[in-house]
Amino acid sequence: MTDLPLTEEEKAQIRERLHALEVEHFDLNDVITRLAADPLQDRLQLQRLKKRKLALKDQIQRLRARLIPDIIA
């Protein structure tokens, strides 16, 4: 990664990707909540969905960090 500031086009692309990831994360959270309420649900599937949700959260945080540069005091 370079220290060059992002262009407006790059920022727009990151925002689009960020929005898509946030929607997927929200939807996945809803699915996990519903599946967790069912005691007969496959626990392995639920565990995989939770791992995917965590991976999405990490990606979202990385993209947000790219949009908001660190301020050096």
PDB file of N, CA and C in Angstrom:
ATOM      1  N   MET A   1       0.839  -1.173   0.000  1.00  0.00           N
ATOM      2  CA  MET A   1       0.000   0.000   0.000  1.00  0.00           C
ATOM      3  C   MET A   1       0.886   1.240   0.000  1.00  0.00           C
ATOM      4  N   THR A   2       0.480   2.241  -0.754  1.00  0.00           N
ATOM      5  CA  THR A   2       1.281   3.456  -0.835  1.00  0.00           C
ATOM      6  C   THR A   2       0.730   4.509   0.109  1.00  0.00           C
ATOM      7  N   ASP A   3       1.519   5.564   0.291  1.00  0.00           N
ATOM      8  CA  ASP A   3       1.104   6.669   1.148  1.00  0.00           C
ATOM      9  C   ASP A   3       0.371   7.744   0.366  1.00  0.00           C
ATOM     10  N   LEU A   4       0.193   7.529  -0.938  1.00  0.00           N
ATOM     11  CA  LEU A   4      -0.495   8.516  -1.757  1.00  0.00           C
ATOM     12  C   LEU A   4      -1.965   8.591  -1.385  1.00  0.00           C
ATOM     13  N   PRO A   5      -2.533   9.797  -1.405  1.00  0.00           N
ATOM     14  CA  PRO A   5      -3.962   9.910  -1.104  1.00  0.00           C
ATOM     15  C   PRO A   5      -4.803   9.232  -2.193  1.00  0.00           C
ATOM     16  N   LEU A   6      -5.965   8.782  -1.805  1.00  0.00           N
ATOM     17  CA  LEU A   6      -6.860   8.110  -2.745  1.00  0.00           C
ATOM     18  C   LEU A   6      -7.502   9.124  -3.682  1.00  0.00           C
ATOM     19  N   THR A   7      -7.711   8.711  -4.906  1.00  0.00           N
ATOM     20  CA  THR A   7      -8.446   9.559  -5.846  1.00  0.00           C
ATOM     21  C   THR A   7      -9.935   9.457  -5.520  1.00  0.00           C
ATOM     22  N   GLU A   8     -10.706  10.367  -6.066  1.00  0.00           N
ATOM     23  CA  GLU A   8     -12.156  10.327  -5.832  1.00  0.00           C
ATOM     24  C   GLU A   8     -12.753   9.041  -6.396  1.00  0.00           C
ATOM     25  N   GLU A   9     -12.222   8.572  -7.517  1.00  0.00           N
ATOM     26  CA  GLU A   9     -12.703   7.324  -8.116  1.00  0.00           C
ATOM     27  C   GLU A   9     -12.421   6.138  -7.195  1.00  0.00           C
ATOM     28  N   GLU A  10     -11.215   6.101  -6.626  1.00  0.00           N
ATOM     29  CA  GLU A  10     -10.864   5.026  -5.690  1.00  0.00           C
ATOM     30  C   GLU A  10     -11.743   5.067  -4.441  1.00  0.00           C
ATOM     31  N   LYS A  11     -12.003   6.274  -3.939  1.00  0.00           N
ATOM     32  CA  LYS A  11     -12.878   6.420  -2.774  1.00  0.00           C
ATOM     33  C   LYS A  11     -14.283   5.914  -3.088  1.00  0.00           C
ATOM     34  N   ALA A  12     -14.780   6.240  -4.281  1.00  0.00           N
ATOM     35  CA  ALA A  12     -16.116   5.794  -4.682  1.00  0.00           C
ATOM     36  C   ALA A  12     -16.170   4.273  -4.775  1.00  0.00           C
ATOM     37  N   GLN A  13     -15.127   3.660  -5.320  1.00  0.00           N
ATOM     38  CA  GLN A  13     -15.070   2.205  -5.425  1.00  0.00           C
ATOM     39  C   GLN A  13     -15.047   1.560  -4.036  1.00  0.00           C
ATOM     40  N   ILE A  14     -14.288   2.141  -3.134  1.00  0.00           N
ATOM     41  CA  ILE A  14     -14.206   1.611  -1.770  1.00  0.00           C
ATOM     42  C   ILE A  14     -15.559   1.745  -1.088  1.00  0.00           C
ATOM     43  N   ARG A  15     -16.224   2.898  -1.276  1.00  0.00           N
ATOM     44  CA  ARG A  15     -17.549   3.093  -0.658  1.00  0.00           C
ATOM     45  C   ARG A  15     -18.558   2.081  -1.188  1.00  0.00           C
ATOM     46  N   GLU A  16     -18.514   1.797  -2.492  1.00  0.00           N
ATOM     47  CA  GLU A  16     -19.419   0.803  -3.079  1.00  0.00           C
ATOM     48  C   GLU A  16     -19.165  -0.575  -2.481  1.00  0.00           C
ATOM     49  N   ARG A  17     -17.914  -0.962  -2.402  1.00  0.00           N
ATOM     50  CA  ARG A  17     -17.548  -2.262  -1.831  1.00  0.00           C
ATOM     51  C   ARG A  17     -17.940  -2.324  -0.356  1.00  0.00           C
ATOM     52  N   LEU A  18     -17.700  -1.230   0.350  1.00  0.00           N
ATOM     53  CA  LEU A  18     -18.042  -1.150   1.763  1.00  0.00           C
ATOM     54  C   LEU A  18     -19.547  -1.331   1.963  1.00  0.00           C
ATOM     55  N   HIS A  19     -20.335  -0.677   1.129  1.00  0.00           N
ATOM     56  CA  HIS A  19     -21.795  -0.807   1.229  1.00  0.00           C
ATOM     57  C   HIS A  19     -22.224  -2.260   0.991  1.00  0.00           C
ATOM     58  N   ALA A  20     -21.665  -2.894  -0.019  1.00  0.00           N
ATOM     59  CA  ALA A  20     -22.016  -4.284  -0.329  1.00  0.00           C
ATOM     60  C   ALA A  20     -21.659  -5.205   0.840  1.00  0.00           C
ATOM     61  N   LEU A  21     -20.507  -4.996   1.435  1.00  0.00           N
ATOM     62  CA  LEU A  21     -20.087  -5.817   2.572  1.00  0.00           C
ATOM     63  C   LEU A  21     -20.977  -5.585   3.789  1.00  0.00           C
ATOM     64  N   GLU A  22     -21.360  -4.327   4.017  1.00  0.00           N
ATOM     65  CA  GLU A  22     -22.222  -4.019   5.154  1.00  0.00           C
ATOM     66  C   GLU A  22     -23.600  -4.662   4.993  1.00  0.00           C
ATOM     67  N   VAL A  23     -24.130  -4.662   3.773  1.00  0.00           N
ATOM     68  CA  VAL A  23     -25.417  -5.303   3.508  1.00  0.00           C
ATOM     69  C   VAL A  23     -25.311  -6.809   3.761  1.00  0.00           C
ATOM     70  N   GLU A  24     -24.243  -7.415   3.240  1.00  0.00           N
ATOM     71  CA  GLU A  24     -24.048  -8.852   3.446  1.00  0.00           C
ATOM     72  C   GLU A  24     -23.901  -9.171   4.932  1.00  0.00           C
ATOM     73  N   HIS A  25     -23.152  -8.350   5.657  1.00  0.00           N
ATOM     74  CA  HIS A  25     -22.950  -8.548   7.091  1.00  0.00           C
ATOM     75  C   HIS A  25     -24.282  -8.459   7.830  1.00  0.00           C
ATOM     76  N   PHE A  26     -25.099  -7.464   7.495  1.00  0.00           N
ATOM     77  CA  PHE A  26     -26.409  -7.308   8.125  1.00  0.00           C
ATOM     78  C   PHE A  26     -27.301  -8.517   7.845  1.00  0.00           C
ATOM     79  N   ASP A  27     -27.328  -8.948   6.580  1.00  0.00           N
ATOM     80  CA  ASP A  27     -28.151 -10.100   6.205  1.00  0.00           C
ATOM     81  C   ASP A  27     -27.684 -11.368   6.911  1.00  0.00           C
ATOM     82  N   LEU A  28     -26.386 -11.548   6.981  1.00  0.00           N
ATOM     83  CA  LEU A  28     -25.820 -12.720   7.635  1.00  0.00           C
ATOM     84  C   LEU A  28     -26.158 -12.721   9.126  1.00  0.00           C
ATOM     85  N   ASN A  29     -26.124 -11.559   9.739  1.00  0.00           N
ATOM     86  CA  ASN A  29     -26.488 -11.445  11.150  1.00  0.00           C
ATOM     87  C   ASN A  29     -27.938 -11.891  11.366  1.00  0.00           C
ATOM     88  N   ASP A  30     -28.809 -11.494  10.462  1.00  0.00           N
ATOM     89  CA  ASP A  30     -30.218 -11.888  10.545  1.00  0.00           C
ATOM     90  C   ASP A  30     -30.371 -13.406  10.422  1.00  0.00           C
ATOM     91  N   VAL A  31     -29.663 -13.998   9.467  1.00  0.00           N
ATOM     92  CA  VAL A  31     -29.731 -15.446   9.264  1.00  0.00           C
ATOM     93  C   VAL A  31     -29.201 -16.185  10.496  1.00  0.00           C
ATOM     94  N   ILE A  32     -28.092 -15.727  11.031  1.00  0.00           N
ATOM     95  CA  ILE A  32     -27.492 -16.362  12.205  1.00  0.00           C
ATOM     96  C   ILE A  32     -28.443 -16.292  13.396  1.00  0.00           C
ATOM     97  N   THR A  33     -29.078 -15.156  13.578  1.00  0.00           N
ATOM     98  CA  THR A  33     -30.026 -15.005  14.686  1.00  0.00           C
ATOM     99  C   THR A  33     -31.174 -15.993  14.564  1.00  0.00           C
ATOM    100  N   ARG A  34     -31.723 -16.129  13.346  1.00  0.00           N
ATOM    101  CA  ARG A  34     -32.836 -17.052  13.145  1.00  0.00           C
ATOM    102  C   ARG A  34     -32.402 -18.505  13.317  1.00  0.00           C
ATOM    103  N   LEU A  35     -31.232 -18.857  12.785  1.00  0.00           N
ATOM    104  CA  LEU A  35     -30.751 -20.235  12.893  1.00  0.00           C
ATOM    105  C   LEU A  35     -30.399 -20.601  14.337  1.00  0.00           C
ATOM    106  N   ALA A  36     -29.846 -19.662  15.064  1.00  0.00           N
ATOM    107  CA  ALA A  36     -29.448 -19.930  16.452  1.00  0.00           C
ATOM    108  C   ALA A  36     -30.671 -20.196  17.331  1.00  0.00           C
ATOM    109  N   ALA A  37     -31.822 -19.675  16.939  1.00  0.00           N
ATOM    110  CA  ALA A  37     -33.042 -19.889  17.718  1.00  0.00           C
ATOM    111  C   ALA A  37     -33.613 -21.293  17.530  1.00  0.00           C
ATOM    112  N   ASP A  38     -33.164 -21.998  16.494  1.00  0.00           N
ATOM    113  CA  ASP A  38     -33.666 -23.342  16.201  1.00  0.00           C
ATOM    114  C   ASP A  38     -32.716 -24.381  16.798  1.00  0.00           C
ATOM    115  N   PRO A  39     -33.147 -25.106  17.833  1.00  0.00           N
ATOM    116  CA  PRO A  39     -32.246 -26.068  18.487  1.00  0.00           C
ATOM    117  C   PRO A  39     -31.861 -27.247  17.583  1.00  0.00           C
ATOM    118  N   LEU A  40     -32.591 -27.478  16.519  1.00  0.00           N
ATOM    119  CA  LEU A  40     -32.273 -28.585  15.619  1.00  0.00           C
ATOM    120  C   LEU A  40     -31.324 -28.170  14.490  1.00  0.00           C
ATOM    121  N   GLN A  41     -30.941 -26.922  14.474  1.00  0.00           N
ATOM    122  CA  GLN A  41     -30.081 -26.410  13.406  1.00  0.00           C
ATOM    123  C   GLN A  41     -28.678 -27.016  13.483  1.00  0.00           C
ATOM    124  N   ASP A  42     -28.089 -27.209  12.321  1.00  0.00           N
ATOM    125  CA  ASP A  42     -26.728 -27.733  12.201  1.00  0.00           C
ATOM    126  C   ASP A  42     -25.734 -26.730  12.800  1.00  0.00           C
ATOM    127  N   ARG A  43     -25.074 -27.111  13.863  1.00  0.00           N
ATOM    128  CA  ARG A  43     -24.130 -26.217  14.557  1.00  0.00           C
ATOM    129  C   ARG A  43     -22.901 -25.904  13.716  1.00  0.00           C
ATOM    130  N   LEU A  44     -22.491 -26.862  12.879  1.00  0.00           N
ATOM    131  CA  LEU A  44     -21.329 -26.619  12.020  1.00  0.00           C
ATOM    132  C   LEU A  44     -21.646 -25.525  11.005  1.00  0.00           C
ATOM    133  N   GLN A  45     -22.830 -25.568  10.433  1.00  0.00           N
ATOM    134  CA  GLN A  45     -23.234 -24.521   9.486  1.00  0.00           C
ATOM    135  C   GLN A  45     -23.288 -23.172  10.191  1.00  0.00           C
ATOM    136  N   LEU A  46     -23.820 -23.139  11.376  1.00  0.00           N
ATOM    137  CA  LEU A  46     -23.915 -21.905  12.146  1.00  0.00           C
ATOM    138  C   LEU A  46     -22.520 -21.348  12.451  1.00  0.00           C
ATOM    139  N   GLN A  47     -21.601 -22.239  12.794  1.00  0.00           N
ATOM    140  CA  GLN A  47     -20.224 -21.820  13.075  1.00  0.00           C
ATOM    141  C   GLN A  47     -19.571 -21.228  11.821  1.00  0.00           C
ATOM    142  N   ARG A  48     -19.799 -21.834  10.671  1.00  0.00           N
ATOM    143  CA  ARG A  48     -19.242 -21.315   9.416  1.00  0.00           C
ATOM    144  C   ARG A  48     -19.804 -19.939   9.088  1.00  0.00           C
ATOM    145  N   LEU A  49     -21.096 -19.759   9.318  1.00  0.00           N
ATOM    146  CA  LEU A  49     -21.718 -18.458   9.062  1.00  0.00           C
ATOM    147  C   LEU A  49     -21.147 -17.385   9.987  1.00  0.00           C
ATOM    148  N   LYS A  50     -20.893 -17.753  11.225  1.00  0.00           N
ATOM    149  CA  LYS A  50     -20.315 -16.799  12.177  1.00  0.00           C
ATOM    150  C   LYS A  50     -18.885 -16.418  11.768  1.00  0.00           C
ATOM    151  N   LYS A  51     -18.124 -17.388  11.267  1.00  0.00           N
ATOM    152  CA  LYS A  51     -16.765 -17.087  10.799  1.00  0.00           C
ATOM    153  C   LYS A  51     -16.802 -16.155   9.599  1.00  0.00           C
ATOM    154  N   ARG A  52     -17.760 -16.393   8.695  1.00  0.00           N
ATOM    155  CA  ARG A  52     -17.913 -15.519   7.531  1.00  0.00           C
ATOM    156  C   ARG A  52     -18.277 -14.099   7.973  1.00  0.00           C
ATOM    157  N   LYS A  53     -19.145 -14.009   8.970  1.00  0.00           N
ATOM    158  CA  LYS A  53     -19.556 -12.706   9.488  1.00  0.00           C
ATOM    159  C   LYS A  53     -18.351 -11.959  10.068  1.00  0.00           C
ATOM    160  N   LEU A  54     -17.501 -12.663  10.805  1.00  0.00           N
ATOM    161  CA  LEU A  54     -16.297 -12.038  11.365  1.00  0.00           C
ATOM    162  C   LEU A  54     -15.337 -11.591  10.268  1.00  0.00           C
ATOM    163  N   ALA A  55     -15.206 -12.396   9.227  1.00  0.00           N
ATOM    164  CA  ALA A  55     -14.339 -12.024   8.108  1.00  0.00           C
ATOM    165  C   ALA A  55     -14.868 -10.762   7.423  1.00  0.00           C
ATOM    166  N   LEU A  56     -16.177 -10.682   7.275  1.00  0.00           N
ATOM    167  CA  LEU A  56     -16.781  -9.486   6.685  1.00  0.00           C
ATOM    168  C   LEU A  56     -16.508  -8.257   7.557  1.00  0.00           C
ATOM    169  N   LYS A  57     -16.632  -8.436   8.865  1.00  0.00           N
ATOM    170  CA  LYS A  57     -16.381  -7.325   9.789  1.00  0.00           C
ATOM    171  C   LYS A  57     -14.945  -6.819   9.640  1.00  0.00           C
ATOM    172  N   ASP A  58     -13.998  -7.738   9.518  1.00  0.00           N
ATOM    173  CA  ASP A  58     -12.593  -7.354   9.333  1.00  0.00           C
ATOM    174  C   ASP A  58     -12.405  -6.583   8.030  1.00  0.00           C
ATOM    175  N   GLN A  59     -13.019  -7.057   6.949  1.00  0.00           N
ATOM    176  CA  GLN A  59     -12.912  -6.374   5.660  1.00  0.00           C
ATOM    177  C   GLN A  59     -13.515  -4.974   5.738  1.00  0.00           C
ATOM    178  N   ILE A  60     -14.658  -4.856   6.402  1.00  0.00           N
ATOM    179  CA  ILE A  60     -15.322  -3.561   6.556  1.00  0.00           C
ATOM    180  C   ILE A  60     -14.415  -2.596   7.313  1.00  0.00           C
ATOM    181  N   GLN A  61     -13.802  -3.057   8.387  1.00  0.00           N
ATOM    182  CA  GLN A  61     -12.915  -2.201   9.174  1.00  0.00           C
ATOM    183  C   GLN A  61     -11.702  -1.750   8.364  1.00  0.00           C
ATOM    184  N   ARG A  62     -11.135  -2.649   7.561  1.00  0.00           N
ATOM    185  CA  ARG A  62      -9.979  -2.284   6.732  1.00  0.00           C
ATOM    186  C   ARG A  62     -10.350  -1.227   5.696  1.00  0.00           C
ATOM    187  N   LEU A  63     -11.521  -1.392   5.073  1.00  0.00           N
ATOM    188  CA  LEU A  63     -11.944  -0.416   4.072  1.00  0.00           C
ATOM    189  C   LEU A  63     -12.245   0.933   4.709  1.00  0.00           C
ATOM    190  N   ARG A  64     -12.877   0.928   5.858  1.00  0.00           N
ATOM    191  CA  ARG A  64     -13.148   2.194   6.553  1.00  0.00           C
ATOM    192  C   ARG A  64     -11.849   2.898   6.913  1.00  0.00           C
ATOM    193  N   ALA A  65     -10.860   2.128   7.329  1.00  0.00           N
ATOM    194  CA  ALA A  65      -9.563   2.705   7.682  1.00  0.00           C
ATOM    195  C   ALA A  65      -8.887   3.341   6.467  1.00  0.00           C
ATOM    196  N   ARG A  66      -9.110   2.778   5.292  1.00  0.00           N
ATOM    197  CA  ARG A  66      -8.534   3.366   4.070  1.00  0.00           C
ATOM    198  C   ARG A  66      -9.209   4.674   3.717  1.00  0.00           C
ATOM    199  N   LEU A  67     -10.495   4.779   4.035  1.00  0.00           N
ATOM    200  CA  LEU A  67     -11.221   6.012   3.719  1.00  0.00           C
ATOM    201  C   LEU A  67     -10.915   7.127   4.705  1.00  0.00           C
ATOM    202  N   ILE A  68     -10.570   6.749   5.931  1.00  0.00           N
ATOM    203  CA  ILE A  68     -10.270   7.748   6.976  1.00  0.00           C
ATOM    204  C   ILE A  68      -8.794   7.630   7.305  1.00  0.00           C
ATOM    205  N   PRO A  69      -7.973   8.475   6.707  1.00  0.00           N
ATOM    206  CA  PRO A  69      -6.521   8.372   6.953  1.00  0.00           C
ATOM    207  C   PRO A  69      -6.186   8.725   8.390  1.00  0.00           C
ATOM    208  N   ASP A  70      -5.094   8.128   8.874  1.00  0.00           N
ATOM    209  CA  ASP A  70      -4.618   8.408  10.227  1.00  0.00           C
ATOM    210  C   ASP A  70      -4.181   9.870  10.306  1.00  0.00           C
ATOM    211  N   ILE A  71      -4.521  10.499  11.410  1.00  0.00           N
ATOM    212  CA  ILE A  71      -4.094  11.878  11.658  1.00  0.00           C
ATOM    213  C   ILE A  71      -2.928  11.808  12.622  1.00  0.00           C
ATOM    214  N   ILE A  72      -1.785  12.292  12.162  1.00  0.00           N
ATOM    215  CA  ILE A  72      -0.592  12.266  13.005  1.00  0.00           C
ATOM    216  C   ILE A  72      -0.552  13.550  13.810  1.00  0.00           C
ATOM    217  N   ALA A  73      -0.555  13.405  15.130  1.00  0.00           N
ATOM    218  CA  ALA A  73      -0.584  14.586  16.006  1.00  0.00           C
ATOM    219  C   ALA A  73       0.798  15.159  16.178  1.00  0.00           C
TER     220      ALA A  73
END
